Amino acid sequence: MAKKARKRRSYGRKKRKLNANAGALIVIVAVLCFSAVMGFRIRAMKEADHRYEVQAAALEAELEAEEQRKEELEESKEYVQSQDYIERLAREKLGLIDPDEMLVKPNE
């Protein structure tokens, strides 16, 4: 009978040891799965961050180009409102001259 009791105790110990090992295995698998998921998420976030940096650089370049265009338009606006532009336009489009100038046309 003592042998049976020892076998039962031995079987109980083995069963508890297996349960403890199974629990540890489950925890290890869960940690590995969590680490893998987090690794993929971090990689995706880094790729998105890189795309946003490229997009920001492109937008900054576009903004700079538009600011340059704005300056050119402001200069053009000032020139169009100047007396020099009005005189040039009158000469080219309307064929007008100043009173103290002579118009010389070549013979055709």
N, C-alpha and C. Protein backbone atom coordinates (compact mmCIF):
# COMPACT_ATOMS: atom_id res chain seq x y z
N MET A 1 0.80 -1.18 0.00
CA MET A 1 0.00 0.00 0.00
C MET A 1 0.86 1.27 0.00
N ALA A 2 1.98 1.21 0.59
CA ALA A 2 2.87 2.36 0.62
C ALA A 2 3.34 2.70 -0.78
N LYS A 3 3.50 1.67 -1.60
CA LYS A 3 3.92 1.92 -2.98
C LYS A 3 2.83 2.65 -3.74
N LYS A 4 1.58 2.29 -3.53
CA LYS A 4 0.48 2.95 -4.21
C LYS A 4 0.40 4.42 -3.80
N ALA A 5 0.59 4.68 -2.52
CA ALA A 5 0.53 6.06 -2.03
C ALA A 5 1.67 6.88 -2.64
N ARG A 6 2.83 6.26 -2.73
CA ARG A 6 3.96 6.97 -3.33
C ARG A 6 3.71 7.23 -4.81
N LYS A 7 3.13 6.27 -5.50
CA LYS A 7 2.83 6.45 -6.91
C LYS A 7 1.82 7.57 -7.10
N ARG A 8 0.82 7.60 -6.20
CA ARG A 8 -0.18 8.67 -6.30
C ARG A 8 0.47 10.02 -6.06
N ARG A 9 1.30 10.10 -5.02
CA ARG A 9 2.00 11.37 -4.75
C ARG A 9 2.91 11.74 -5.90
N SER A 10 3.60 10.76 -6.45
CA SER A 10 4.51 11.01 -7.56
C SER A 10 3.72 11.48 -8.78
N TYR A 11 2.56 10.82 -9.03
CA TYR A 11 1.70 11.22 -10.15
C TYR A 11 1.16 12.64 -9.93
N GLY A 12 0.80 12.97 -8.73
CA GLY A 12 0.30 14.31 -8.39
C GLY A 12 1.38 15.37 -8.59
N ARG A 13 2.58 15.05 -8.20
CA ARG A 13 3.69 16.00 -8.39
C ARG A 13 3.96 16.23 -9.87
N LYS A 14 3.96 15.13 -10.63
CA LYS A 14 4.21 15.25 -12.06
C LYS A 14 3.13 16.08 -12.73
N LYS A 15 1.88 15.84 -12.31
CA LYS A 15 0.77 16.57 -12.89
C LYS A 15 0.88 18.06 -12.58
N ARG A 16 1.22 18.40 -11.33
CA ARG A 16 1.40 19.81 -10.96
C ARG A 16 2.57 20.43 -11.71
N LYS A 17 3.63 19.66 -11.89
CA LYS A 17 4.79 20.15 -12.62
C LYS A 17 4.42 20.40 -14.08
N LEU A 18 3.65 19.49 -14.68
CA LEU A 18 3.20 19.68 -16.06
C LEU A 18 2.29 20.90 -16.17
N ASN A 19 1.41 21.08 -15.21
CA ASN A 19 0.53 22.25 -15.21
C ASN A 19 1.33 23.54 -15.10
N ALA A 20 2.35 23.55 -14.27
CA ALA A 20 3.20 24.72 -14.10
C ALA A 20 3.97 24.99 -15.39
N ASN A 21 4.48 23.94 -16.03
CA ASN A 21 5.21 24.10 -17.29
C ASN A 21 4.27 24.59 -18.39
N ALA A 22 3.05 24.07 -18.42
CA ALA A 22 2.09 24.51 -19.43
C ALA A 22 1.75 25.98 -19.23
N GLY A 23 1.59 26.39 -18.00
CA GLY A 23 1.30 27.81 -17.71
C GLY A 23 2.45 28.70 -18.14
N ALA A 24 3.66 28.27 -17.85
CA ALA A 24 4.84 29.05 -18.25
C ALA A 24 4.94 29.10 -19.77
N LEU A 25 4.64 28.00 -20.43
CA LEU A 25 4.68 27.96 -21.89
C LEU A 25 3.64 28.92 -22.49
N ILE A 26 2.45 28.92 -21.91
CA ILE A 26 1.41 29.83 -22.38
C ILE A 26 1.85 31.28 -22.22
N VAL A 27 2.45 31.60 -21.10
CA VAL A 27 2.93 32.97 -20.87
C VAL A 27 4.02 33.33 -21.87
N ILE A 28 4.93 32.42 -22.12
CA ILE A 28 6.02 32.68 -23.07
C ILE A 28 5.46 32.88 -24.48
N VAL A 29 4.52 32.05 -24.90
CA VAL A 29 3.92 32.20 -26.22
C VAL A 29 3.19 33.53 -26.32
N ALA A 30 2.46 33.89 -25.28
CA ALA A 30 1.73 35.17 -25.28
C ALA A 30 2.70 36.34 -25.39
N VAL A 31 3.81 36.29 -24.67
CA VAL A 31 4.81 37.37 -24.73
C VAL A 31 5.43 37.44 -26.12
N LEU A 32 5.73 36.30 -26.72
CA LEU A 32 6.30 36.28 -28.07
C LEU A 32 5.32 36.84 -29.09
N CYS A 33 4.06 36.45 -28.98
CA CYS A 33 3.04 36.97 -29.90
C CYS A 33 2.90 38.48 -29.74
N PHE A 34 2.86 38.95 -28.51
CA PHE A 34 2.77 40.38 -28.24
C PHE A 34 3.97 41.12 -28.82
N SER A 35 5.15 40.55 -28.64
CA SER A 35 6.37 41.18 -29.17
C SER A 35 6.34 41.24 -30.70
N ALA A 36 5.87 40.18 -31.32
CA ALA A 36 5.79 40.16 -32.79
C ALA A 36 4.81 41.22 -33.28
N VAL A 37 3.65 41.29 -32.66
CA VAL A 37 2.65 42.28 -33.06
C VAL A 37 3.20 43.69 -32.87
N MET A 38 3.84 43.94 -31.75
CA MET A 38 4.40 45.27 -31.49
C MET A 38 5.53 45.58 -32.48
N GLY A 39 6.31 44.59 -32.86
CA GLY A 39 7.37 44.80 -33.85
C GLY A 39 6.79 45.24 -35.18
N PHE A 40 5.72 44.57 -35.61
CA PHE A 40 5.08 44.95 -36.88
C PHE A 40 4.47 46.35 -36.79
N ARG A 41 3.87 46.66 -35.66
CA ARG A 41 3.25 47.98 -35.49
C ARG A 41 4.31 49.08 -35.50
N ILE A 42 5.42 48.83 -34.83
CA ILE A 42 6.51 49.82 -34.80
C ILE A 42 7.05 50.03 -36.21
N ARG A 43 7.22 48.95 -36.95
CA ARG A 43 7.72 49.06 -38.32
C ARG A 43 6.75 49.87 -39.19
N ALA A 44 5.46 49.59 -39.06
CA ALA A 44 4.46 50.32 -39.82
C ALA A 44 4.46 51.80 -39.45
N MET A 45 4.64 52.09 -38.18
CA MET A 45 4.67 53.49 -37.74
C MET A 45 5.90 54.21 -38.28
N LYS A 46 7.03 53.52 -38.33
CA LYS A 46 8.24 54.14 -38.87
C LYS A 46 8.08 54.42 -40.36
N GLU A 47 7.45 53.50 -41.09
CA GLU A 47 7.20 53.72 -42.52
C GLU A 47 6.26 54.90 -42.73
N ALA A 48 5.22 54.99 -41.90
CA ALA A 48 4.29 56.11 -42.00
C ALA A 48 5.00 57.42 -41.67
N ASP A 49 5.86 57.39 -40.67
CA ASP A 49 6.61 58.59 -40.29
C ASP A 49 7.49 59.05 -41.45
N HIS A 50 8.13 58.10 -42.12
CA HIS A 50 8.98 58.45 -43.26
C HIS A 50 8.15 59.07 -44.38
N ARG A 51 6.99 58.47 -44.66
CA ARG A 51 6.10 59.04 -45.70
C ARG A 51 5.68 60.46 -45.33
N TYR A 52 5.37 60.69 -44.07
CA TYR A 52 4.96 62.03 -43.64
C TYR A 52 6.11 63.02 -43.77
N GLU A 53 7.33 62.59 -43.48
CA GLU A 53 8.49 63.48 -43.62
C GLU A 53 8.69 63.86 -45.08
N VAL A 54 8.56 62.89 -45.98
CA VAL A 54 8.71 63.17 -47.41
C VAL A 54 7.61 64.12 -47.88
N GLN A 55 6.39 63.88 -47.41
CA GLN A 55 5.27 64.73 -47.79
C GLN A 55 5.47 66.14 -47.25
N ALA A 56 5.97 66.27 -46.02
CA ALA A 56 6.21 67.59 -45.43
C ALA A 56 7.28 68.34 -46.23
N ALA A 57 8.33 67.63 -46.64
CA ALA A 57 9.39 68.28 -47.43
C ALA A 57 8.83 68.76 -48.77
N ALA A 58 7.98 67.95 -49.39
CA ALA A 58 7.39 68.34 -50.67
C ALA A 58 6.48 69.56 -50.49
N LEU A 59 5.72 69.57 -49.41
CA LEU A 59 4.84 70.71 -49.16
C LEU A 59 5.63 71.98 -48.85
N GLU A 60 6.74 71.84 -48.15
CA GLU A 60 7.58 73.00 -47.87
C GLU A 60 8.16 73.57 -49.17
N ALA A 61 8.59 72.68 -50.07
CA ALA A 61 9.12 73.14 -51.36
C ALA A 61 8.02 73.82 -52.16
N GLU A 62 6.83 73.27 -52.13
CA GLU A 62 5.71 73.87 -52.84
C GLU A 62 5.36 75.24 -52.25
N LEU A 63 5.40 75.34 -50.94
CA LEU A 63 5.12 76.60 -50.28
C LEU A 63 6.15 77.66 -50.68
N GLU A 64 7.41 77.26 -50.71
CA GLU A 64 8.47 78.18 -51.10
C GLU A 64 8.28 78.66 -52.54
N ALA A 65 7.90 77.74 -53.43
CA ALA A 65 7.66 78.11 -54.83
C ALA A 65 6.47 79.07 -54.94
N GLU A 66 5.45 78.83 -54.17
CA GLU A 66 4.27 79.71 -54.20
C GLU A 66 4.59 81.09 -53.62
N GLU A 67 5.44 81.13 -52.60
CA GLU A 67 5.85 82.43 -52.06
C GLU A 67 6.65 83.21 -53.10
N GLN A 68 7.52 82.52 -53.84
CA GLN A 68 8.29 83.16 -54.91
C GLN A 68 7.34 83.67 -55.98
N ARG A 69 6.36 82.88 -56.34
CA ARG A 69 5.38 83.28 -57.35
C ARG A 69 4.60 84.51 -56.87
N LYS A 70 4.26 84.53 -55.59
CA LYS A 70 3.54 85.67 -55.02
C LYS A 70 4.36 86.95 -55.14
N GLU A 71 5.65 86.85 -54.84
CA GLU A 71 6.53 88.01 -54.96
C GLU A 71 6.59 88.49 -56.41
N GLU A 72 6.70 87.54 -57.34
CA GLU A 72 6.74 87.91 -58.76
C GLU A 72 5.45 88.60 -59.19
N LEU A 73 4.32 88.09 -58.71
CA LEU A 73 3.04 88.71 -59.06
C LEU A 73 2.91 90.11 -58.46
N GLU A 74 3.41 90.30 -57.25
CA GLU A 74 3.36 91.62 -56.63
C GLU A 74 4.24 92.62 -57.41
N GLU A 75 5.42 92.14 -57.86
CA GLU A 75 6.28 93.00 -58.67
C GLU A 75 5.60 93.33 -60.00
N SER A 76 4.97 92.34 -60.59
CA SER A 76 4.26 92.55 -61.85
C SER A 76 3.11 93.53 -61.66
N LYS A 77 2.42 93.42 -60.56
CA LYS A 77 1.30 94.33 -60.26
C LYS A 77 1.81 95.77 -60.13
N GLU A 78 2.93 95.92 -59.44
CA GLU A 78 3.50 97.27 -59.30
C GLU A 78 3.91 97.82 -60.66
N TYR A 79 4.50 96.98 -61.51
CA TYR A 79 4.96 97.43 -62.82
C TYR A 79 3.76 97.81 -63.70
N VAL A 80 2.71 97.01 -63.65
CA VAL A 80 1.52 97.29 -64.46
C VAL A 80 0.89 98.62 -64.06
N GLN A 81 1.03 99.01 -62.82
CA GLN A 81 0.45 100.27 -62.35
C GLN A 81 1.41 101.45 -62.53
N SER A 82 2.60 101.20 -63.07
CA SER A 82 3.59 102.27 -63.21
C SER A 82 3.39 103.03 -64.53
N GLN A 83 3.97 104.21 -64.58
CA GLN A 83 3.91 105.06 -65.77
C GLN A 83 4.71 104.43 -66.92
N ASP A 84 5.81 103.77 -66.62
CA ASP A 84 6.62 103.12 -67.65
C ASP A 84 5.81 102.07 -68.41
N TYR A 85 5.03 101.28 -67.71
CA TYR A 85 4.23 100.25 -68.36
C TYR A 85 3.18 100.90 -69.26
N ILE A 86 2.53 101.92 -68.76
CA ILE A 86 1.49 102.60 -69.54
C ILE A 86 2.08 103.18 -70.83
N GLU A 87 3.26 103.81 -70.74
CA GLU A 87 3.91 104.36 -71.93
C GLU A 87 4.30 103.25 -72.91
N ARG A 88 4.88 102.17 -72.40
CA ARG A 88 5.28 101.06 -73.27
C ARG A 88 4.07 100.46 -73.97
N LEU A 89 3.00 100.27 -73.24
CA LEU A 89 1.78 99.72 -73.82
C LEU A 89 1.21 100.66 -74.90
N ALA A 90 1.24 101.97 -74.63
CA ALA A 90 0.73 102.94 -75.61
C ALA A 90 1.58 102.90 -76.88
N ARG A 91 2.87 102.75 -76.74
CA ARG A 91 3.76 102.70 -77.92
C ARG A 91 3.52 101.42 -78.71
N GLU A 92 3.52 100.29 -78.02
CA GLU A 92 3.45 99.00 -78.70
C GLU A 92 2.06 98.70 -79.27
N LYS A 93 1.05 98.89 -78.49
CA LYS A 93 -0.30 98.49 -78.91
C LYS A 93 -1.04 99.58 -79.70
N LEU A 94 -0.86 100.82 -79.28
CA LEU A 94 -1.62 101.91 -79.90
C LEU A 94 -0.81 102.73 -80.90
N GLY A 95 0.50 102.54 -80.90
CA GLY A 95 1.35 103.27 -81.83
C GLY A 95 1.50 104.75 -81.47
N LEU A 96 1.29 105.12 -80.24
CA LEU A 96 1.42 106.51 -79.81
C LEU A 96 2.86 106.85 -79.52
N ILE A 97 3.19 108.16 -79.65
CA ILE A 97 4.54 108.64 -79.34
C ILE A 97 4.42 109.88 -78.49
N ASP A 98 5.52 110.25 -77.84
CA ASP A 98 5.55 111.50 -77.06
C ASP A 98 5.53 112.69 -78.02
N PRO A 99 5.06 113.82 -77.54
CA PRO A 99 5.00 115.00 -78.41
C PRO A 99 6.37 115.45 -78.92
N ASP A 100 7.43 115.23 -78.19
CA ASP A 100 8.76 115.68 -78.62
C ASP A 100 9.52 114.61 -79.41
N GLU A 101 8.87 113.51 -79.81
CA GLU A 101 9.52 112.45 -80.58
C GLU A 101 9.01 112.47 -82.02
N MET A 102 9.87 111.92 -82.90
CA MET A 102 9.50 111.81 -84.31
C MET A 102 9.38 110.34 -84.65
N LEU A 103 8.41 109.98 -85.43
CA LEU A 103 8.21 108.62 -85.83
C LEU A 103 8.83 108.43 -87.22
N VAL A 104 9.72 107.47 -87.32
CA VAL A 104 10.38 107.17 -88.59
C VAL A 104 9.98 105.75 -88.97
N LYS A 105 9.37 105.65 -90.15
CA LYS A 105 8.96 104.33 -90.64
C LYS A 105 9.79 104.00 -91.86
N PRO A 106 10.29 102.81 -91.95
CA PRO A 106 11.07 102.40 -93.12
C PRO A 106 10.13 102.22 -94.33
N ASN A 107 10.69 102.44 -95.53
CA ASN A 107 9.91 102.23 -96.74
C ASN A 107 9.77 100.74 -97.00
N GLU A 108 8.60 100.36 -97.35
CA GLU A 108 8.38 98.93 -97.61
C GLU A 108 8.20 98.68 -99.06
